[in-house]
Amino acid sequence: MKRPLHSDSSLRYRRAMLVDPNNPFFDRLWVRLLCVLAPLGWAAVEFSNAENFWGGCFAAAGLYLAYALFWVRGRDRS
């Protein structure tokens, strides 16, 4: 019988992520902030032009990046 690759506790935070928050590219704080603020800023531009669909898409992307890069980051590091 084969052993599972991960224990149940390590799977708790391991999900299919669109962005790998533990990639060395995101080690610098200013990179993480820019990656979050850019889509949120563009969402503000879209909302100001009454483009609610695109504003919602960019706002969702910015919020997802904030979650991935500031909340999830480092949880599954050893």
N, C-alpha and C. Protein backbone atom coordinates (compact mmCIF):
# COMPACT_ATOMS: atom_id res chain seq x y z
N MET A 1 0.85 -1.18 0.00
CA MET A 1 0.00 0.00 0.00
C MET A 1 0.89 1.24 0.00
N LYS A 2 0.58 2.17 -0.88
CA LYS A 2 1.38 3.38 -0.99
C LYS A 2 1.01 4.38 0.10
N ARG A 3 2.02 5.10 0.56
CA ARG A 3 1.78 6.15 1.55
C ARG A 3 1.32 7.41 0.83
N PRO A 4 0.44 8.19 1.45
CA PRO A 4 0.05 9.45 0.82
C PRO A 4 1.24 10.40 0.78
N LEU A 5 1.26 11.29 -0.21
CA LEU A 5 2.36 12.23 -0.35
C LEU A 5 2.36 13.27 0.76
N HIS A 6 1.20 13.62 1.26
CA HIS A 6 1.09 14.66 2.28
C HIS A 6 0.21 14.14 3.41
N SER A 7 0.52 14.60 4.61
CA SER A 7 -0.37 14.27 5.72
C SER A 7 -1.60 15.16 5.65
N ASP A 8 -2.63 14.81 6.37
CA ASP A 8 -3.87 15.60 6.35
C ASP A 8 -3.63 17.02 6.83
N SER A 9 -2.74 17.21 7.80
CA SER A 9 -2.51 18.55 8.33
C SER A 9 -1.83 19.44 7.30
N SER A 10 -0.99 18.88 6.43
CA SER A 10 -0.32 19.71 5.43
C SER A 10 -1.25 20.08 4.29
N LEU A 11 -2.33 19.34 4.12
CA LEU A 11 -3.29 19.66 3.06
C LEU A 11 -4.25 20.76 3.47
N ARG A 12 -4.21 21.15 4.71
CA ARG A 12 -5.17 22.14 5.21
C ARG A 12 -5.10 23.44 4.42
N TYR A 13 -3.90 23.91 4.14
CA TYR A 13 -3.74 25.18 3.43
C TYR A 13 -3.29 24.98 2.00
N ARG A 14 -3.10 23.76 1.56
CA ARG A 14 -2.63 23.53 0.20
C ARG A 14 -3.85 23.42 -0.72
N ARG A 15 -4.05 24.47 -1.49
CA ARG A 15 -5.16 24.53 -2.43
C ARG A 15 -4.61 24.86 -3.81
N ALA A 16 -5.43 24.70 -4.80
CA ALA A 16 -5.03 25.10 -6.14
C ALA A 16 -5.03 26.63 -6.20
N MET A 17 -3.85 27.20 -6.21
CA MET A 17 -3.71 28.65 -6.21
C MET A 17 -3.39 29.13 -7.62
N LEU A 18 -3.94 30.26 -8.00
CA LEU A 18 -3.60 30.87 -9.29
C LEU A 18 -2.21 31.50 -9.23
N VAL A 19 -1.81 31.92 -8.04
CA VAL A 19 -0.51 32.55 -7.82
C VAL A 19 0.20 31.76 -6.73
N ASP A 20 1.49 31.49 -6.94
CA ASP A 20 2.26 30.82 -5.89
C ASP A 20 2.79 31.90 -4.95
N PRO A 21 2.17 32.07 -3.78
CA PRO A 21 2.59 33.16 -2.90
C PRO A 21 3.97 32.97 -2.30
N ASN A 22 4.51 31.76 -2.34
CA ASN A 22 5.83 31.51 -1.78
C ASN A 22 6.94 31.54 -2.82
N ASN A 23 6.63 31.99 -4.02
CA ASN A 23 7.64 32.17 -5.05
C ASN A 23 8.59 33.27 -4.61
N PRO A 24 9.88 33.11 -4.83
CA PRO A 24 10.84 34.14 -4.41
C PRO A 24 10.58 35.51 -5.03
N PHE A 25 9.87 35.57 -6.14
CA PHE A 25 9.52 36.85 -6.76
C PHE A 25 8.76 37.74 -5.78
N PHE A 26 7.96 37.15 -4.91
CA PHE A 26 7.12 37.91 -3.98
C PHE A 26 7.78 38.13 -2.62
N ASP A 27 9.07 37.91 -2.51
CA ASP A 27 9.76 38.13 -1.23
C ASP A 27 9.79 39.59 -0.82
N ARG A 28 9.90 40.50 -1.76
CA ARG A 28 9.96 41.92 -1.44
C ARG A 28 8.55 42.48 -1.23
N LEU A 29 8.40 43.26 -0.17
CA LEU A 29 7.10 43.81 0.18
C LEU A 29 6.55 44.71 -0.92
N TRP A 30 7.41 45.53 -1.55
CA TRP A 30 6.91 46.47 -2.55
C TRP A 30 6.35 45.74 -3.76
N VAL A 31 6.88 44.56 -4.08
CA VAL A 31 6.35 43.77 -5.20
C VAL A 31 4.95 43.27 -4.87
N ARG A 32 4.78 42.78 -3.64
CA ARG A 32 3.47 42.28 -3.23
C ARG A 32 2.45 43.42 -3.20
N LEU A 33 2.86 44.57 -2.67
CA LEU A 33 1.95 45.72 -2.64
C LEU A 33 1.56 46.18 -4.03
N LEU A 34 2.53 46.24 -4.93
CA LEU A 34 2.23 46.66 -6.30
C LEU A 34 1.29 45.68 -7.00
N CYS A 35 1.50 44.38 -6.76
CA CYS A 35 0.64 43.37 -7.38
C CYS A 35 -0.79 43.44 -6.86
N VAL A 36 -0.97 43.92 -5.65
CA VAL A 36 -2.32 44.05 -5.09
C VAL A 36 -2.94 45.39 -5.49
N LEU A 37 -2.16 46.46 -5.41
CA LEU A 37 -2.71 47.80 -5.65
C LEU A 37 -2.99 48.09 -7.12
N ALA A 38 -2.23 47.49 -8.02
CA ALA A 38 -2.45 47.75 -9.45
C ALA A 38 -3.86 47.33 -9.91
N PRO A 39 -4.30 46.09 -9.65
CA PRO A 39 -5.66 45.76 -10.09
C PRO A 39 -6.74 46.50 -9.30
N LEU A 40 -6.48 46.81 -8.02
CA LEU A 40 -7.47 47.58 -7.26
C LEU A 40 -7.58 49.01 -7.80
N GLY A 41 -6.45 49.58 -8.18
CA GLY A 41 -6.48 50.91 -8.79
C GLY A 41 -7.20 50.90 -10.13
N TRP A 42 -6.95 49.87 -10.91
CA TRP A 42 -7.64 49.79 -12.20
C TRP A 42 -9.13 49.54 -12.01
N ALA A 43 -9.50 48.82 -10.97
CA ALA A 43 -10.92 48.63 -10.66
C ALA A 43 -11.56 49.98 -10.36
N ALA A 44 -10.85 50.85 -9.65
CA ALA A 44 -11.39 52.18 -9.37
C ALA A 44 -11.60 52.96 -10.66
N VAL A 45 -10.67 52.83 -11.61
CA VAL A 45 -10.83 53.50 -12.91
C VAL A 45 -12.06 52.97 -13.63
N GLU A 46 -12.22 51.66 -13.64
CA GLU A 46 -13.37 51.06 -14.32
C GLU A 46 -14.69 51.46 -13.66
N PHE A 47 -14.73 51.47 -12.33
CA PHE A 47 -15.95 51.88 -11.64
C PHE A 47 -16.26 53.35 -11.91
N SER A 48 -15.23 54.18 -12.00
CA SER A 48 -15.46 55.61 -12.26
C SER A 48 -16.00 55.85 -13.66
N ASN A 49 -15.75 54.91 -14.58
CA ASN A 49 -16.28 55.00 -15.94
C ASN A 49 -17.57 54.20 -16.11
N ALA A 50 -18.19 53.82 -15.01
CA ALA A 50 -19.45 53.08 -14.99
C ALA A 50 -19.35 51.72 -15.68
N GLU A 51 -18.17 51.13 -15.63
CA GLU A 51 -17.97 49.78 -16.16
C GLU A 51 -17.93 48.82 -14.97
N ASN A 52 -19.12 48.50 -14.47
CA ASN A 52 -19.22 47.72 -13.24
C ASN A 52 -18.72 46.29 -13.38
N PHE A 53 -18.93 45.69 -14.54
CA PHE A 53 -18.47 44.31 -14.73
C PHE A 53 -16.95 44.23 -14.63
N TRP A 54 -16.25 45.08 -15.40
CA TRP A 54 -14.79 45.05 -15.38
C TRP A 54 -14.24 45.54 -14.05
N GLY A 55 -14.90 46.49 -13.45
CA GLY A 55 -14.49 46.94 -12.12
C GLY A 55 -14.58 45.81 -11.10
N GLY A 56 -15.65 45.04 -11.18
CA GLY A 56 -15.80 43.90 -10.28
C GLY A 56 -14.76 42.82 -10.53
N CYS A 57 -14.44 42.59 -11.80
CA CYS A 57 -13.41 41.58 -12.13
C CYS A 57 -12.05 41.99 -11.57
N PHE A 58 -11.66 43.26 -11.78
CA PHE A 58 -10.36 43.71 -11.29
C PHE A 58 -10.34 43.82 -9.76
N ALA A 59 -11.45 44.20 -9.17
CA ALA A 59 -11.52 44.24 -7.71
C ALA A 59 -11.38 42.84 -7.12
N ALA A 60 -12.03 41.87 -7.74
CA ALA A 60 -11.91 40.48 -7.28
C ALA A 60 -10.47 39.99 -7.42
N ALA A 61 -9.82 40.33 -8.52
CA ALA A 61 -8.43 39.92 -8.72
C ALA A 61 -7.53 40.55 -7.65
N GLY A 62 -7.73 41.82 -7.36
CA GLY A 62 -6.93 42.49 -6.34
C GLY A 62 -7.15 41.91 -4.96
N LEU A 63 -8.40 41.62 -4.64
CA LEU A 63 -8.70 41.03 -3.33
C LEU A 63 -8.14 39.61 -3.21
N TYR A 64 -8.20 38.86 -4.30
CA TYR A 64 -7.62 37.52 -4.30
C TYR A 64 -6.10 37.60 -4.09
N LEU A 65 -5.45 38.53 -4.77
CA LEU A 65 -4.01 38.68 -4.59
C LEU A 65 -3.66 39.12 -3.18
N ALA A 66 -4.47 39.99 -2.60
CA ALA A 66 -4.23 40.39 -1.21
C ALA A 66 -4.33 39.19 -0.28
N TYR A 67 -5.33 38.36 -0.50
CA TYR A 67 -5.49 37.14 0.30
C TYR A 67 -4.30 36.21 0.12
N ALA A 68 -3.92 35.97 -1.14
CA ALA A 68 -2.84 35.02 -1.41
C ALA A 68 -1.49 35.53 -0.94
N LEU A 69 -1.20 36.81 -1.15
CA LEU A 69 0.14 37.31 -0.89
C LEU A 69 0.36 37.77 0.55
N PHE A 70 -0.72 38.03 1.28
CA PHE A 70 -0.54 38.50 2.65
C PHE A 70 -1.13 37.56 3.70
N TRP A 71 -2.13 36.78 3.37
CA TRP A 71 -2.76 35.89 4.34
C TRP A 71 -2.19 34.47 4.23
N VAL A 72 -2.16 33.93 3.02
CA VAL A 72 -1.73 32.55 2.81
C VAL A 72 -0.21 32.43 2.80
N ARG A 73 0.48 33.46 2.36
CA ARG A 73 1.93 33.43 2.20
C ARG A 73 2.63 32.95 3.47
N GLY A 74 3.47 31.94 3.34
CA GLY A 74 4.26 31.45 4.44
C GLY A 74 3.61 30.37 5.28
N ARG A 75 2.34 30.11 5.10
CA ARG A 75 1.67 29.11 5.94
C ARG A 75 2.15 27.70 5.65
N ASP A 76 2.45 27.39 4.38
CA ASP A 76 2.88 26.03 4.07
C ASP A 76 4.39 25.94 3.87
N ARG A 77 5.14 26.92 4.36
CA ARG A 77 6.60 26.81 4.35
C ARG A 77 7.04 25.95 5.53
N SER A 78 8.12 25.28 5.34
CA SER A 78 8.63 24.42 6.42
C SER A 78 9.56 25.18 7.32
